[in-house]
Amino acid sequence: MPLASAPRRIRILGVPLDLGASRRGVDMGPSALRVAGLEAHLEALGHEVSDGGNVRVEIAETQPAGASNARFLTEIADTCTRTAQAVSDAMKQGLTPLILGGDHSLAAGSVSGVSHYFHQHAQKLGLLWLDAHSDINTPATSPSGNVHGMPLAALTGLGTDSGLSPLARIFDYLPKVSPENTVVLGVRSIDAHERANLHAAGVRGVYTMRDIDERGLRTVMQEALEIISDGTAGFHVSLDMDWIDPEHAPGVGTAVRGGATYREAHLAMELIADHGGMVSFEIVEVNPILDQRNSTAELAVELACSAFGKKIL
């Protein structure tokens, strides 16, 4: 199978975290992706793949939930700190981290790990956030108290004065990504306070599904890639499977109709591969309990292959 880019050395890391979501089952996401043949499919493309196992995650029933506006924040921050260290270590070894979730709160750790590696070299990281939601609530604005709706606030430094410091201050610096090099793409469900938070954080690129409908995915993706590559050493891709329409990806906890189509999702991944600036990738919010015969995990594996260079011809 032809590749759009040179083979990589990929390190798979599972983060079976479900403390940040209200619906259980997403902790089985890493297993579902492995069962769908992720490693074998990537190796068939010519990549060298090693599986680093799972980051340790506490079980909800054994822990106190904590404050109602940010449940399990301490435990999530501990998991994210372990995730950040594992990701940073992989980067130091010249490996491309491929993180499997788990709920989206893990991104506060994965992105911190990549950012830390570049921060040590006085370089910046870009961030592409593919999601039905903007995930930029804080404990002060969240209507649910679910931390999987807050990682982007932590990464851009917005939540440091509102109770998110344990997530925002991993590795003791902030922000982990500059809002000027951050793009949220494909959103279609934004809480009232999140609109204000997006403006307050100064996120440079916010593209709704209407933007994609009116202008086309290719045009929007090209602009997004320019933003996340502007003065950065590379970019991280955070793919929440609820970005895709639930017709194609039913196994997610917070499905929202009107998402990216099957081909739009593949095109986005193919454009990422063509660009060549991706340094790390994650797939989150695959929930096998809500899935249909592991179809969402299988689609996620397909998309990962496209992002890592699989071509039609």
Protein backbone atom coordinates (compact mmCIF):
# COMPACT_ATOMS: atom_id res chain seq x y z
CA MET A 1 0.00 0.00 0.00
CA PRO A 2 1.57 3.35 -1.03
CA LEU A 3 2.39 5.97 1.60
CA ALA A 4 2.02 9.74 1.31
CA SER A 5 5.10 10.18 3.52
CA ALA A 6 8.12 8.35 4.90
CA PRO A 7 7.59 5.46 7.35
CA ARG A 8 7.53 6.41 11.02
CA ARG A 9 8.40 4.80 14.30
CA ILE A 10 5.08 4.89 16.16
CA ARG A 11 4.50 4.35 19.88
CA ILE A 12 0.94 3.38 20.83
CA LEU A 13 -0.17 4.44 24.30
CA GLY A 14 -3.57 3.59 25.75
CA VAL A 15 -5.25 5.85 28.28
CA PRO A 16 -8.42 4.05 29.46
CA LEU A 17 -9.77 7.11 31.22
CA ASP A 18 -13.50 7.47 31.83
CA LEU A 19 -13.47 9.77 34.87
CA GLY A 20 -14.11 12.88 32.77
CA ALA A 21 -17.39 11.73 31.24
CA SER A 22 -20.83 11.02 32.65
CA ARG A 23 -21.44 7.95 30.46
CA ARG A 24 -19.34 4.91 31.30
CA GLY A 25 -17.65 2.53 28.88
CA VAL A 26 -15.17 4.79 27.13
CA ASP A 27 -12.39 3.22 29.21
CA MET A 28 -12.70 0.22 26.86
CA GLY A 29 -11.85 2.39 23.86
CA PRO A 30 -8.13 1.49 23.73
CA SER A 31 -8.99 -2.21 23.72
CA ALA A 32 -11.56 -1.73 20.95
CA LEU A 33 -9.00 0.05 18.78
CA ARG A 34 -6.44 -2.65 19.37
CA VAL A 35 -9.00 -5.37 18.58
CA ALA A 36 -9.77 -3.53 15.34
CA GLY A 37 -6.19 -4.20 14.27
CA LEU A 38 -4.60 -0.78 14.62
CA GLU A 39 -1.03 -2.01 15.01
CA ALA A 40 -1.22 -4.51 12.17
CA HIS A 41 -2.78 -2.00 9.77
CA LEU A 42 -0.08 0.59 10.49
CA GLU A 43 2.66 -2.00 10.12
CA ALA A 44 1.19 -3.02 6.76
CA LEU A 45 1.83 0.55 5.62
CA GLY A 46 5.52 0.15 6.43
CA HIS A 47 5.59 1.86 9.82
CA GLU A 48 7.49 0.44 12.78
CA VAL A 49 4.97 0.16 15.61
CA SER A 50 5.47 -0.61 19.30
CA ASP A 51 2.71 -0.77 21.87
CA GLY A 52 3.63 0.85 25.17
CA GLY A 53 0.56 -0.54 26.96
CA ASN A 54 -1.84 1.53 29.03
CA VAL A 55 -1.24 4.43 31.35
CA ARG A 56 -2.53 3.66 34.84
CA VAL A 57 -5.99 5.06 35.54
CA GLU A 58 -7.94 4.94 38.79
CA ILE A 59 -11.36 3.27 38.81
CA ALA A 60 -14.22 5.67 39.51
CA GLU A 61 -15.86 3.46 42.13
CA THR A 62 -12.70 3.51 44.25
CA GLN A 63 -12.29 7.30 44.30
CA PRO A 64 -14.17 10.30 45.73
CA ALA A 65 -15.82 12.33 42.98
CA GLY A 66 -14.73 15.64 44.50
CA ALA A 67 -16.28 18.97 43.60
CA SER A 68 -19.47 18.78 41.54
CA ASN A 69 -18.22 21.39 39.06
CA ALA A 70 -15.11 19.34 38.17
CA ARG A 71 -15.63 15.73 39.18
CA PHE A 72 -12.55 13.54 39.70
CA LEU A 73 -10.27 16.47 38.78
CA THR A 74 -7.44 15.29 41.07
CA GLU A 75 -7.49 11.74 39.68
CA ILE A 76 -7.75 13.01 36.10
CA ALA A 77 -4.80 15.36 36.65
CA ASP A 78 -2.75 12.47 38.04
CA THR A 79 -3.56 10.34 34.98
CA CYS A 80 -2.78 13.24 32.65
CA THR A 81 0.56 13.81 34.38
CA ARG A 82 1.49 10.15 33.83
CA THR A 83 0.30 10.42 30.23
CA ALA A 84 2.32 13.57 29.66
CA GLN A 85 5.49 11.92 30.91
CA ALA A 86 4.98 8.82 28.75
CA VAL A 87 4.32 10.95 25.67
CA SER A 88 7.31 13.21 26.33
CA ASP A 89 9.54 10.15 26.78
CA ALA A 90 8.35 8.76 23.44
CA MET A 91 9.14 12.05 21.73
CA LYS A 92 12.65 12.02 23.21
CA GLN A 93 13.17 8.57 21.67
CA GLY A 94 12.26 9.89 18.23
CA LEU A 95 8.89 8.12 18.25
CA THR A 96 5.53 9.43 17.05
CA PRO A 97 3.01 9.09 19.90
CA LEU A 98 -0.36 7.61 18.98
CA ILE A 99 -2.63 7.92 22.02
CA LEU A 100 -5.81 5.89 22.39
CA GLY A 101 -8.63 7.05 24.65
CA GLY A 102 -10.50 7.14 26.85
CA ASP A 103 -12.41 10.38 27.29
CA HIS A 104 -11.14 13.68 25.95
CA SER A 105 -9.86 14.97 29.27
CA LEU A 106 -6.73 12.88 28.60
CA ALA A 107 -5.70 15.46 26.00
CA ALA A 108 -4.59 17.75 28.82
CA GLY A 109 -1.87 15.15 29.39
CA SER A 110 -1.05 14.01 25.86
CA VAL A 111 -0.74 17.53 24.45
CA SER A 112 1.28 18.60 27.50
CA GLY A 113 3.74 15.80 26.83
CA VAL A 114 4.33 16.82 23.22
CA SER A 115 4.42 20.50 24.15
CA HIS A 116 6.96 19.81 26.89
CA TYR A 117 9.33 18.16 24.42
CA PHE A 118 9.27 21.20 22.13
CA HIS A 119 9.27 23.66 25.05
CA GLN A 120 12.62 22.22 26.11
CA HIS A 121 13.94 23.10 22.66
CA ALA A 122 12.40 26.61 22.70
CA GLN A 123 9.88 25.57 20.06
CA LYS A 124 6.09 25.80 19.81
CA LEU A 125 3.40 23.21 19.14
CA GLY A 126 0.29 23.66 17.00
CA LEU A 127 -3.00 21.97 17.86
CA LEU A 128 -5.82 20.71 15.62
CA TRP A 129 -8.94 19.87 17.65
CA LEU A 130 -11.46 17.83 15.64
CA ASP A 131 -14.61 17.62 17.72
CA ALA A 132 -18.35 18.22 17.80
CA HIS A 133 -17.68 20.26 20.95
CA SER A 134 -15.14 22.95 21.76
CA ASP A 135 -14.20 21.46 25.18
CA ILE A 136 -13.20 24.86 26.54
CA ASN A 137 -15.41 25.03 29.60
CA THR A 138 -13.95 25.67 33.04
CA PRO A 139 -15.29 24.61 36.44
CA ALA A 140 -16.86 28.06 36.65
CA THR A 141 -18.75 27.70 33.34
CA SER A 142 -19.40 23.98 32.93
CA PRO A 143 -23.08 23.00 33.09
CA SER A 144 -22.21 19.36 33.78
CA GLY A 145 -18.98 19.32 35.79
CA ASN A 146 -17.56 16.76 33.33
CA VAL A 147 -13.85 17.42 32.89
CA HIS A 148 -13.82 15.99 29.36
CA GLY A 149 -15.43 19.29 28.41
CA MET A 150 -12.50 21.29 29.83
CA PRO A 151 -9.13 20.14 28.39
CA LEU A 152 -8.80 22.90 25.80
CA ALA A 153 -9.25 25.49 28.54
CA ALA A 154 -6.42 23.89 30.49
CA LEU A 155 -4.13 23.67 27.45
CA THR A 156 -4.61 27.30 26.41
CA GLY A 157 -4.19 28.53 30.00
CA LEU A 158 -7.75 29.77 30.32
CA GLY A 159 -8.67 27.70 33.34
CA THR A 160 -5.84 28.55 35.72
CA ASP A 161 -7.90 31.00 37.74
CA SER A 162 -11.03 28.84 37.79
CA GLY A 163 -9.91 25.61 39.39
CA LEU A 164 -8.14 23.90 36.49
CA SER A 165 -4.58 24.54 37.67
CA PRO A 166 -3.86 20.82 38.29
CA LEU A 167 -4.42 20.20 34.58
CA ALA A 168 -3.07 23.46 33.23
CA ARG A 169 0.19 23.41 35.19
CA ILE A 170 1.50 19.99 34.24
CA PHE A 171 5.29 20.44 33.82
CA ASP A 172 4.91 23.84 35.56
CA TYR A 173 4.46 26.15 32.59
CA LEU A 174 1.55 27.46 30.55
CA PRO A 175 -0.01 27.68 28.13
CA LYS A 176 0.87 24.35 26.52
CA VAL A 177 -0.29 25.61 23.13
CA SER A 178 -0.61 29.17 21.92
CA PRO A 179 -4.22 30.05 21.07
CA GLU A 180 -2.79 31.64 17.92
CA ASN A 181 -1.71 28.17 16.77
CA THR A 182 -4.88 26.38 17.84
CA VAL A 183 -7.76 25.36 15.59
CA VAL A 184 -11.11 23.88 16.62
CA LEU A 185 -12.71 22.36 13.55
CA GLY A 186 -16.14 20.85 12.90
CA VAL A 187 -17.87 22.09 16.07
CA ARG A 188 -21.65 22.08 16.16
CA SER A 189 -22.53 21.93 19.88
CA ILE A 190 -21.11 24.77 21.98
CA ASP A 191 -22.31 25.72 25.46
CA ALA A 192 -23.35 29.33 25.98
CA HIS A 193 -20.34 30.18 28.15
CA GLU A 194 -17.95 28.37 25.81
CA ARG A 195 -18.56 30.99 23.12
CA ALA A 196 -17.21 33.61 25.48
CA ASN A 197 -14.37 31.32 26.54
CA LEU A 198 -13.27 30.81 22.94
CA HIS A 199 -13.03 34.58 22.51
CA ALA A 200 -11.38 35.06 25.91
CA ALA A 201 -8.74 32.44 25.14
CA GLY A 202 -8.07 33.99 21.74
CA VAL A 203 -8.34 30.75 19.76
CA ARG A 204 -7.38 31.82 16.27
CA GLY A 205 -9.26 29.25 14.22
CA VAL A 206 -12.80 28.11 15.03
CA TYR A 207 -14.58 26.43 12.13
CA THR A 208 -18.14 25.20 12.58
CA MET A 209 -19.88 22.61 10.44
CA ARG A 210 -21.56 25.52 8.67
CA ASP A 211 -18.13 26.74 7.56
CA ILE A 212 -17.43 23.28 6.16
CA ASP A 213 -20.85 23.17 4.48
CA GLU A 214 -20.45 26.57 2.86
CA ARG A 215 -16.75 26.56 2.00
CA GLY A 216 -15.86 22.90 1.70
CA LEU A 217 -13.63 20.79 3.89
CA ARG A 218 -10.53 21.16 1.73
CA THR A 219 -10.52 24.96 1.94
CA VAL A 220 -11.15 24.95 5.68
CA MET A 221 -8.47 22.32 6.30
CA GLN A 222 -5.90 24.23 4.27
CA GLU A 223 -6.50 27.34 6.40
CA ALA A 224 -6.37 25.26 9.58
CA LEU A 225 -3.06 23.67 8.59
CA GLU A 226 -1.59 27.11 7.93
CA ILE A 227 -2.64 28.33 11.39
CA ILE A 228 -1.29 25.34 13.32
CA SER A 229 1.96 25.39 11.32
CA ASP A 230 2.64 29.13 11.61
CA GLY A 231 5.93 29.34 13.54
CA THR A 232 5.53 25.89 15.11
CA ALA A 233 7.78 22.84 15.04
CA GLY A 234 4.80 20.64 14.22
CA PHE A 235 1.26 19.97 15.33
CA HIS A 236 -0.78 17.53 17.39
CA VAL A 237 -4.06 16.14 16.09
CA SER A 238 -6.77 15.42 18.64
CA LEU A 239 -9.56 13.42 17.00
CA ASP A 240 -12.75 13.01 19.01
CA MET A 241 -14.81 10.41 17.18
CA ASP A 242 -17.98 12.41 17.83
CA TRP A 243 -16.59 14.85 15.24
CA ILE A 244 -17.93 12.39 12.69
CA ASP A 245 -21.65 12.06 12.10
CA PRO A 246 -23.16 9.35 14.33
CA GLU A 247 -24.48 7.62 11.21
CA HIS A 248 -20.86 6.57 10.62
CA ALA A 249 -19.56 6.66 14.21
CA PRO A 250 -22.35 5.57 16.57
CA GLY A 251 -20.10 4.40 19.40
CA VAL A 252 -19.54 7.72 21.18
CA GLY A 253 -20.93 9.10 24.41
CA THR A 254 -22.02 12.55 23.23
CA ALA A 255 -23.20 12.04 19.66
CA VAL A 256 -24.41 15.11 17.74
CA ARG A 257 -26.05 14.82 14.34
CA GLY A 258 -24.68 16.75 11.39
CA GLY A 259 -21.00 15.87 11.70
CA ALA A 260 -18.31 15.10 9.17
CA THR A 261 -19.18 12.46 6.59
CA TYR A 262 -17.13 9.33 6.03
CA ARG A 263 -15.31 10.86 3.05
CA GLU A 264 -14.86 14.26 4.69
CA ALA A 265 -13.19 12.55 7.64
CA HIS A 266 -10.84 10.62 5.38
CA LEU A 267 -10.06 13.73 3.33
CA ALA A 268 -9.11 15.62 6.49
CA MET A 269 -6.73 12.80 7.48
CA GLU A 270 -5.27 12.61 3.97
CA LEU A 271 -4.59 16.35 3.95
CA ILE A 272 -2.87 16.02 7.32
CA ALA A 273 -0.65 13.26 5.91
CA ASP A 274 0.12 15.27 2.77
CA HIS A 275 1.18 18.26 4.87
CA GLY A 276 3.77 16.26 6.82
CA GLY A 277 3.78 18.42 9.94
CA MET A 278 1.93 16.10 12.29
CA VAL A 279 4.12 15.04 15.24
CA SER A 280 1.52 13.22 17.37
CA PHE A 281 -2.02 11.92 17.06
CA GLU A 282 -4.78 10.79 19.36
CA ILE A 283 -8.18 9.13 19.04
CA VAL A 284 -10.63 9.62 21.90
CA GLU A 285 -14.22 8.94 23.00
CA VAL A 286 -14.68 5.51 21.40
CA ASN A 287 -17.29 3.79 23.59
CA PRO A 288 -17.76 0.10 22.69
CA ILE A 289 -20.88 -0.18 24.89
CA LEU A 290 -22.67 2.24 22.57
CA ASP A 291 -21.12 0.93 19.36
CA GLN A 292 -22.42 -1.42 16.68
CA ARG A 293 -20.11 -4.44 16.25
CA ASN A 294 -17.02 -2.27 16.85
CA SER A 295 -17.72 -0.21 13.73
CA THR A 296 -16.62 3.08 15.32
CA ALA A 297 -13.29 1.61 16.38
CA GLU A 298 -12.81 0.14 12.91
CA LEU A 299 -13.50 3.54 11.35
CA ALA A 300 -11.03 5.11 13.79
CA VAL A 301 -8.36 2.67 12.63
CA GLU A 302 -9.12 3.54 9.01
CA LEU A 303 -8.76 7.24 9.77
CA ALA A 304 -5.51 6.72 11.67
CA CYS A 305 -4.12 4.90 8.64
CA SER A 306 -5.09 7.81 6.39
CA ALA A 307 -3.50 10.27 8.80
CA PHE A 308 -0.34 8.18 8.80
CA GLY A 309 -0.08 8.25 5.04
CA LYS A 310 -2.27 5.54 3.48
CA LYS A 311 -3.09 6.50 -0.11
CA ILE A 312 -5.64 5.23 -2.59
CA LEU A 313 -3.10 5.26 -5.44
